[in-house]
PDB file of N, CA and C in Angstrom:
ATOM      1  N   MET A   1      -3.288 -18.919  12.317  1.00  0.00           N
ATOM      2  CA  MET A   1      -4.010 -17.693  12.614  1.00  0.00           C
ATOM      3  C   MET A   1      -4.077 -16.853  11.344  1.00  0.00           C
ATOM      4  N   ASN A   2      -5.260 -16.383  11.003  1.00  0.00           N
ATOM      5  CA  ASN A   2      -5.460 -15.531   9.829  1.00  0.00           C
ATOM      6  C   ASN A   2      -5.696 -14.091  10.261  1.00  0.00           C
ATOM      7  N   ASP A   3      -5.154 -13.173   9.496  1.00  0.00           N
ATOM      8  CA  ASP A   3      -5.320 -11.756   9.780  1.00  0.00           C
ATOM      9  C   ASP A   3      -6.246 -11.130   8.755  1.00  0.00           C
ATOM     10  N   SER A   4      -6.980 -10.126   9.187  1.00  0.00           N
ATOM     11  CA  SER A   4      -7.870  -9.385   8.305  1.00  0.00           C
ATOM     12  C   SER A   4      -7.394  -7.938   8.247  1.00  0.00           C
ATOM     13  N   TYR A   5      -7.312  -7.396   7.025  1.00  0.00           N
ATOM     14  CA  TYR A   5      -6.793  -6.045   6.828  1.00  0.00           C
ATOM     15  C   TYR A   5      -7.861  -5.137   6.230  1.00  0.00           C
ATOM     16  N   ALA A   6      -7.686  -3.840   6.409  1.00  0.00           N
ATOM     17  CA  ALA A   6      -8.608  -2.842   5.866  1.00  0.00           C
ATOM     18  C   ALA A   6      -8.580  -2.862   4.345  1.00  0.00           C
ATOM     19  N   ASN A   7      -9.640  -2.374   3.709  1.00  0.00           N
ATOM     20  CA  ASN A   7      -9.732  -2.332   2.251  1.00  0.00           C
ATOM     21  C   ASN A   7      -9.130  -1.064   1.665  1.00  0.00           C
ATOM     22  N   GLU A   8      -8.688  -0.137   2.524  1.00  0.00           N
ATOM     23  CA  GLU A   8      -8.081   1.103   2.080  1.00  0.00           C
ATOM     24  C   GLU A   8      -6.780   1.342   2.838  1.00  0.00           C
ATOM     25  N   CYS A   9      -5.905   2.153   2.253  1.00  0.00           N
ATOM     26  CA  CYS A   9      -4.694   2.582   2.952  1.00  0.00           C
ATOM     27  C   CYS A   9      -4.307   3.962   2.433  1.00  0.00           C
ATOM     28  N   ILE A  10      -3.501   4.653   3.205  1.00  0.00           N
ATOM     29  CA  ILE A  10      -3.043   5.984   2.835  1.00  0.00           C
ATOM     30  C   ILE A  10      -1.728   5.841   2.066  1.00  0.00           C
ATOM     31  N   VAL A  11      -1.680   6.434   0.863  1.00  0.00           N
ATOM     32  CA  VAL A  11      -0.491   6.384   0.015  1.00  0.00           C
ATOM     33  C   VAL A  11       0.027   7.810  -0.159  1.00  0.00           C
ATOM     34  N   GLU A  12       1.357   7.968  -0.022  1.00  0.00           N
ATOM     35  CA  GLU A  12       1.970   9.281  -0.171  1.00  0.00           C
ATOM     36  C   GLU A  12       2.854   9.314  -1.404  1.00  0.00           C
ATOM     37  N   CYS A  13       2.775  10.399  -2.154  1.00  0.00           N
ATOM     38  CA  CYS A  13       3.668  10.630  -3.282  1.00  0.00           C
ATOM     39  C   CYS A  13       4.884  11.374  -2.741  1.00  0.00           C
ATOM     40  N   THR A  14       6.065  10.761  -2.851  1.00  0.00           N
ATOM     41  CA  THR A  14       7.265  11.381  -2.298  1.00  0.00           C
ATOM     42  C   THR A  14       7.738  12.564  -3.134  1.00  0.00           C
ATOM     43  N   ASP A  15       7.269  12.659  -4.368  1.00  0.00           N
ATOM     44  CA  ASP A  15       7.698  13.756  -5.231  1.00  0.00           C
ATOM     45  C   ASP A  15       7.031  15.082  -4.868  1.00  0.00           C
ATOM     46  N   ASN A  16       5.750  15.033  -4.477  1.00  0.00           N
ATOM     47  CA  ASN A  16       5.049  16.283  -4.162  1.00  0.00           C
ATOM     48  C   ASN A  16       4.487  16.325  -2.740  1.00  0.00           C
ATOM     49  N   GLY A  17       4.632  15.246  -1.965  1.00  0.00           N
ATOM     50  CA  GLY A  17       4.189  15.234  -0.580  1.00  0.00           C
ATOM     51  C   GLY A  17       2.693  15.045  -0.378  1.00  0.00           C
ATOM     52  N   LYS A  18       1.938  14.852  -1.443  1.00  0.00           N
ATOM     53  CA  LYS A  18       0.487  14.684  -1.321  1.00  0.00           C
ATOM     54  C   LYS A  18       0.146  13.262  -0.903  1.00  0.00           C
ATOM     55  N   THR A  19      -0.935  13.135  -0.132  1.00  0.00           N
ATOM     56  CA  THR A  19      -1.410  11.827   0.285  1.00  0.00           C
ATOM     57  C   THR A  19      -2.821  11.611  -0.244  1.00  0.00           C
ATOM     58  N   VAL A  20      -3.149  10.339  -0.472  1.00  0.00           N
ATOM     59  CA  VAL A  20      -4.469   9.986  -0.972  1.00  0.00           C
ATOM     60  C   VAL A  20      -4.866   8.645  -0.365  1.00  0.00           C
ATOM     61  N   GLU A  21      -6.164   8.463  -0.147  1.00  0.00           N
ATOM     62  CA  GLU A  21      -6.659   7.175   0.327  1.00  0.00           C
ATOM     63  C   GLU A  21      -6.878   6.297  -0.894  1.00  0.00           C
ATOM     64  N   ALA A  22      -6.223   5.137  -0.911  1.00  0.00           N
ATOM     65  CA  ALA A  22      -6.284   4.237  -2.055  1.00  0.00           C
ATOM     66  C   ALA A  22      -6.990   2.942  -1.671  1.00  0.00           C
ATOM     67  N   GLU A  23      -7.651   2.340  -2.649  1.00  0.00           N
ATOM     68  CA  GLU A  23      -8.313   1.061  -2.451  1.00  0.00           C
ATOM     69  C   GLU A  23      -7.301  -0.063  -2.647  1.00  0.00           C
ATOM     70  N   VAL A  24      -7.297  -1.020  -1.725  1.00  0.00           N
ATOM     71  CA  VAL A  24      -6.373  -2.146  -1.795  1.00  0.00           C
ATOM     72  C   VAL A  24      -6.906  -3.176  -2.780  1.00  0.00           C
ATOM     73  N   GLY A  25      -6.062  -3.574  -3.742  1.00  0.00           N
ATOM     74  CA  GLY A  25      -6.414  -4.622  -4.690  1.00  0.00           C
ATOM     75  C   GLY A  25      -5.983  -5.966  -4.138  1.00  0.00           C
ATOM     76  N   SER A  26      -4.757  -6.339  -4.388  1.00  0.00           N
ATOM     77  CA  SER A  26      -4.257  -7.581  -3.810  1.00  0.00           C
ATOM     78  C   SER A  26      -3.137  -7.236  -2.841  1.00  0.00           C
ATOM     79  N   PHE A  27      -2.976  -8.092  -1.827  1.00  0.00           N
ATOM     80  CA  PHE A  27      -2.062  -7.777  -0.730  1.00  0.00           C
ATOM     81  C   PHE A  27      -1.507  -9.039  -0.112  1.00  0.00           C
ATOM     82  N   GLN A  28      -0.190  -9.084   0.015  1.00  0.00           N
ATOM     83  CA  GLN A  28       0.497 -10.129   0.770  1.00  0.00           C
ATOM     84  C   GLN A  28       1.381  -9.402   1.773  1.00  0.00           C
ATOM     85  N   PRO A  29       1.084  -9.527   3.073  1.00  0.00           N
ATOM     86  CA  PRO A  29       1.841  -8.787   4.090  1.00  0.00           C
ATOM     87  C   PRO A  29       3.345  -8.990   3.960  1.00  0.00           C
ATOM     88  N   GLU A  30       4.069  -7.887   4.025  1.00  0.00           N
ATOM     89  CA  GLU A  30       5.524  -7.830   3.960  1.00  0.00           C
ATOM     90  C   GLU A  30       6.092  -8.421   2.673  1.00  0.00           C
ATOM     91  N   LYS A  31       5.304  -8.379   1.576  1.00  0.00           N
ATOM     92  CA  LYS A  31       5.772  -8.837   0.269  1.00  0.00           C
ATOM     93  C   LYS A  31       5.322  -7.904  -0.843  1.00  0.00           C
ATOM     94  N   TYR A  32       4.023  -7.726  -0.991  1.00  0.00           N
ATOM     95  CA  TYR A  32       3.455  -7.098  -2.174  1.00  0.00           C
ATOM     96  C   TYR A  32       2.153  -6.389  -1.834  1.00  0.00           C
ATOM     97  N   LEU A  33       1.920  -5.266  -2.484  1.00  0.00           N
ATOM     98  CA  LEU A  33       0.673  -4.523  -2.299  1.00  0.00           C
ATOM     99  C   LEU A  33       0.285  -3.896  -3.632  1.00  0.00           C
ATOM    100  N   GLN A  34      -0.963  -4.078  -4.011  1.00  0.00           N
ATOM    101  CA  GLN A  34      -1.492  -3.453  -5.224  1.00  0.00           C
ATOM    102  C   GLN A  34      -2.620  -2.521  -4.782  1.00  0.00           C
ATOM    103  N   VAL A  35      -2.540  -1.258  -5.196  1.00  0.00           N
ATOM    104  CA  VAL A  35      -3.567  -0.289  -4.822  1.00  0.00           C
ATOM    105  C   VAL A  35      -4.137   0.379  -6.068  1.00  0.00           C
ATOM    106  N   PHE A  36      -5.352   0.917  -5.926  1.00  0.00           N
ATOM    107  CA  PHE A  36      -6.008   1.674  -6.987  1.00  0.00           C
ATOM    108  C   PHE A  36      -6.234   3.089  -6.483  1.00  0.00           C
ATOM    109  N   MET A  37      -5.635   4.058  -7.186  1.00  0.00           N
ATOM    110  CA  MET A  37      -5.809   5.471  -6.857  1.00  0.00           C
ATOM    111  C   MET A  37      -6.486   6.142  -8.047  1.00  0.00           C
ATOM    112  N   ASN A  38      -7.725   6.563  -7.872  1.00  0.00           N
ATOM    113  CA  ASN A  38      -8.486   7.191  -8.967  1.00  0.00           C
ATOM    114  C   ASN A  38      -8.462   6.309 -10.214  1.00  0.00           C
ATOM    115  N   THR A  39      -8.738   5.044 -10.053  1.00  0.00           N
ATOM    116  CA  THR A  39      -8.798   4.013 -11.099  1.00  0.00           C
ATOM    117  C   THR A  39      -7.437   3.663 -11.711  1.00  0.00           C
ATOM    118  N   VAL A  40      -6.349   4.205 -11.196  1.00  0.00           N
ATOM    119  CA  VAL A  40      -5.008   3.870 -11.683  1.00  0.00           C
ATOM    120  C   VAL A  40      -4.399   2.832 -10.749  1.00  0.00           C
ATOM    121  N   LYS A  41      -3.924   1.722 -11.331  1.00  0.00           N
ATOM    122  CA  LYS A  41      -3.332   0.646 -10.532  1.00  0.00           C
ATOM    123  C   LYS A  41      -1.850   0.925 -10.307  1.00  0.00           C
ATOM    124  N   VAL A  42      -1.415   0.801  -9.036  1.00  0.00           N
ATOM    125  CA  VAL A  42      -0.011   0.968  -8.682  1.00  0.00           C
ATOM    126  C   VAL A  42       0.426  -0.268  -7.901  1.00  0.00           C
ATOM    127  N   ASN A  43       1.533  -0.876  -8.338  1.00  0.00           N
ATOM    128  CA  ASN A  43       2.100  -2.036  -7.648  1.00  0.00           C
ATOM    129  C   ASN A  43       3.248  -1.575  -6.766  1.00  0.00           C
ATOM    130  N   LEU A  44       3.234  -2.019  -5.506  1.00  0.00           N
ATOM    131  CA  LEU A  44       4.268  -1.631  -4.561  1.00  0.00           C
ATOM    132  C   LEU A  44       4.914  -2.878  -3.965  1.00  0.00           C
ATOM    133  N   GLN A  45       6.214  -2.840  -3.795  1.00  0.00           N
ATOM    134  CA  GLN A  45       6.963  -3.943  -3.201  1.00  0.00           C
ATOM    135  C   GLN A  45       7.411  -3.542  -1.797  1.00  0.00           C
ATOM    136  N   TYR A  46       7.444  -4.522  -0.885  1.00  0.00           N
ATOM    137  CA  TYR A  46       7.827  -4.250   0.497  1.00  0.00           C
ATOM    138  C   TYR A  46       9.328  -4.042   0.608  1.00  0.00           C
ATOM    139  N   GLN A  47       9.722  -3.019   1.345  1.00  0.00           N
ATOM    140  CA  GLN A  47      11.129  -2.728   1.615  1.00  0.00           C
ATOM    141  C   GLN A  47      11.377  -2.953   3.102  1.00  0.00           C
ATOM    142  N   PRO A  48      11.924  -4.123   3.484  1.00  0.00           N
ATOM    143  CA  PRO A  48      12.063  -4.446   4.911  1.00  0.00           C
ATOM    144  C   PRO A  48      12.973  -3.494   5.685  1.00  0.00           C
ATOM    145  N   ALA A  49      13.935  -2.880   5.035  1.00  0.00           N
ATOM    146  CA  ALA A  49      14.837  -1.957   5.735  1.00  0.00           C
ATOM    147  C   ALA A  49      14.081  -0.750   6.282  1.00  0.00           C
ATOM    148  N   HIS A  50      13.031  -0.313   5.567  1.00  0.00           N
ATOM    149  CA  HIS A  50      12.266   0.870   5.981  1.00  0.00           C
ATOM    150  C   HIS A  50      10.847   0.531   6.434  1.00  0.00           C
ATOM    151  N   LYS A  51      10.458  -0.741   6.291  1.00  0.00           N
ATOM    152  CA  LYS A  51       9.133  -1.236   6.682  1.00  0.00           C
ATOM    153  C   LYS A  51       8.008  -0.480   5.988  1.00  0.00           C
ATOM    154  N   VAL A  52       8.189  -0.234   4.688  1.00  0.00           N
ATOM    155  CA  VAL A  52       7.166   0.413   3.864  1.00  0.00           C
ATOM    156  C   VAL A  52       7.080  -0.294   2.514  1.00  0.00           C
ATOM    157  N   TYR A  53       5.984  -0.031   1.804  1.00  0.00           N
ATOM    158  CA  TYR A  53       5.803  -0.524   0.444  1.00  0.00           C
ATOM    159  C   TYR A  53       6.121   0.637  -0.492  1.00  0.00           C
ATOM    160  N   VAL A  54       6.908   0.374  -1.539  1.00  0.00           N
ATOM    161  CA  VAL A  54       7.352   1.418  -2.459  1.00  0.00           C
ATOM    162  C   VAL A  54       7.025   1.005  -3.890  1.00  0.00           C
ATOM    163  N   GLY A  55       6.514   1.958  -4.677  1.00  0.00           N
ATOM    164  CA  GLY A  55       6.222   1.695  -6.080  1.00  0.00           C
ATOM    165  C   GLY A  55       6.314   2.958  -6.909  1.00  0.00           C
ATOM    166  N   ASN A  56       6.399   2.787  -8.223  1.00  0.00           N
ATOM    167  CA  ASN A  56       6.497   3.918  -9.149  1.00  0.00           C
ATOM    168  C   ASN A  56       5.391   3.843 -10.187  1.00  0.00           C
ATOM    169  N   MET A  57       4.909   5.023 -10.580  1.00  0.00           N
ATOM    170  CA  MET A  57       3.915   5.121 -11.640  1.00  0.00           C
ATOM    171  C   MET A  57       4.009   6.521 -12.229  1.00  0.00           C
ATOM    172  N   ALA A  58       4.049   6.605 -13.541  1.00  0.00           N
ATOM    173  CA  ALA A  58       4.087   7.882 -14.261  1.00  0.00           C
ATOM    174  C   ALA A  58       5.233   8.775 -13.795  1.00  0.00           C
ATOM    175  N   GLY A  59       6.379   8.168 -13.500  1.00  0.00           N
ATOM    176  CA  GLY A  59       7.549   8.940 -13.101  1.00  0.00           C
ATOM    177  C   GLY A  59       7.523   9.445 -11.675  1.00  0.00           C
ATOM    178  N   MET A  60       6.550   9.017 -10.889  1.00  0.00           N
ATOM    179  CA  MET A  60       6.461   9.442  -9.492  1.00  0.00           C
ATOM    180  C   MET A  60       6.600   8.235  -8.579  1.00  0.00           C
ATOM    181  N   GLU A  61       7.144   8.467  -7.383  1.00  0.00           N
ATOM    182  CA  GLU A  61       7.326   7.393  -6.411  1.00  0.00           C
ATOM    183  C   GLU A  61       6.252   7.493  -5.338  1.00  0.00           C
ATOM    184  N   PHE A  62       5.703   6.329  -4.969  1.00  0.00           N
ATOM    185  CA  PHE A  62       4.659   6.261  -3.953  1.00  0.00           C
ATOM    186  C   PHE A  62       5.095   5.346  -2.828  1.00  0.00           C
ATOM    187  N   VAL A  63       4.767   5.722  -1.591  1.00  0.00           N
ATOM    188  CA  VAL A  63       5.088   4.901  -0.420  1.00  0.00           C
ATOM    189  C   VAL A  63       3.862   4.799   0.486  1.00  0.00           C
ATOM    190  N   THR A  64       3.777   3.675   1.185  1.00  0.00           N
ATOM    191  CA  THR A  64       2.712   3.474   2.165  1.00  0.00           C
ATOM    192  C   THR A  64       3.185   2.445   3.184  1.00  0.00           C
ATOM    193  N   SER A  65       2.617   2.523   4.374  1.00  0.00           N
ATOM    194  CA  SER A  65       2.906   1.500   5.377  1.00  0.00           C
ATOM    195  C   SER A  65       1.965   0.317   5.219  1.00  0.00           C
ATOM    196  N   GLY A  66       1.013   0.420   4.279  1.00  0.00           N
ATOM    197  CA  GLY A  66       0.090  -0.677   4.000  1.00  0.00           C
ATOM    198  C   GLY A  66      -1.225  -0.520   4.734  1.00  0.00           C
ATOM    199  N   PRO A  67      -2.151  -1.435   4.472  1.00  0.00           N
ATOM    200  CA  PRO A  67      -3.451  -1.377   5.146  1.00  0.00           C
ATOM    201  C   PRO A  67      -3.336  -1.763   6.618  1.00  0.00           C
ATOM    202  N   LYS A  68      -4.202  -1.193   7.414  1.00  0.00           N
ATOM    203  CA  LYS A  68      -4.203  -1.476   8.857  1.00  0.00           C
ATOM    204  C   LYS A  68      -4.778  -2.855   9.140  1.00  0.00           C
ATOM    205  N   LEU A  69      -4.214  -3.522  10.132  1.00  0.00           N
ATOM    206  CA  LEU A  69      -4.718  -4.800  10.601  1.00  0.00           C
ATOM    207  C   LEU A  69      -5.993  -4.532  11.396  1.00  0.00           C
ATOM    208  N   VAL A  70      -7.099  -5.136  10.979  1.00  0.00           N
ATOM    209  CA  VAL A  70      -8.372  -4.902  11.672  1.00  0.00           C
ATOM    210  C   VAL A  70      -8.756  -6.045  12.599  1.00  0.00           C
ATOM    211  N   GLY A  71      -8.121  -7.200  12.450  1.00  0.00           N
ATOM    212  CA  GLY A  71      -8.441  -8.314  13.343  1.00  0.00           C
ATOM    213  C   GLY A  71      -7.722  -9.604  12.954  1.00  0.00           C
ATOM    214  N   SER A  72      -7.674 -10.504  13.890  1.00  0.00           N
ATOM    215  CA  SER A  72      -7.092 -11.829  13.674  1.00  0.00           C
ATOM    216  C   SER A  72      -8.087 -12.880  14.122  1.00  0.00           C
ATOM    217  N   TYR A  73      -8.111 -13.989  13.413  1.00  0.00           N
ATOM    218  CA  TYR A  73      -9.016 -15.074  13.785  1.00  0.00           C
ATOM    219  C   TYR A  73      -8.355 -16.402  13.478  1.00  0.00           C
ATOM    220  N   ARG A  74      -8.929 -17.454  14.040  1.00  0.00           N
ATOM    221  CA  ARG A  74      -8.364 -18.789  13.844  1.00  0.00           C
ATOM    222  C   ARG A  74      -9.005 -19.501  12.699  1.00  0.00           C
TER     223      ARG A  74
END
C-alpha cells in the first residue's frame, strides 16, 4: 500500500513561536523531512518519542508533525 502526502506542512520555530507554511522537498515518513521556507532549505529528523520532526537552521530550532496524509492506494 502506498501513501500520498500533501506538498506543504506547517513548521513552527520554537525560539519565537512563529509558524509558517513550508514546501515539502523530500520526505520519508517517520525518518526524514526536508522543507523549504522562503527558499531556505531545512532538514528535519523524526523524533519518535515526541512524534515530530526536529531540525535547526541559523541558530533556531524548527518542529513540525509533517505533511498530512491525503490518501492511500494500492
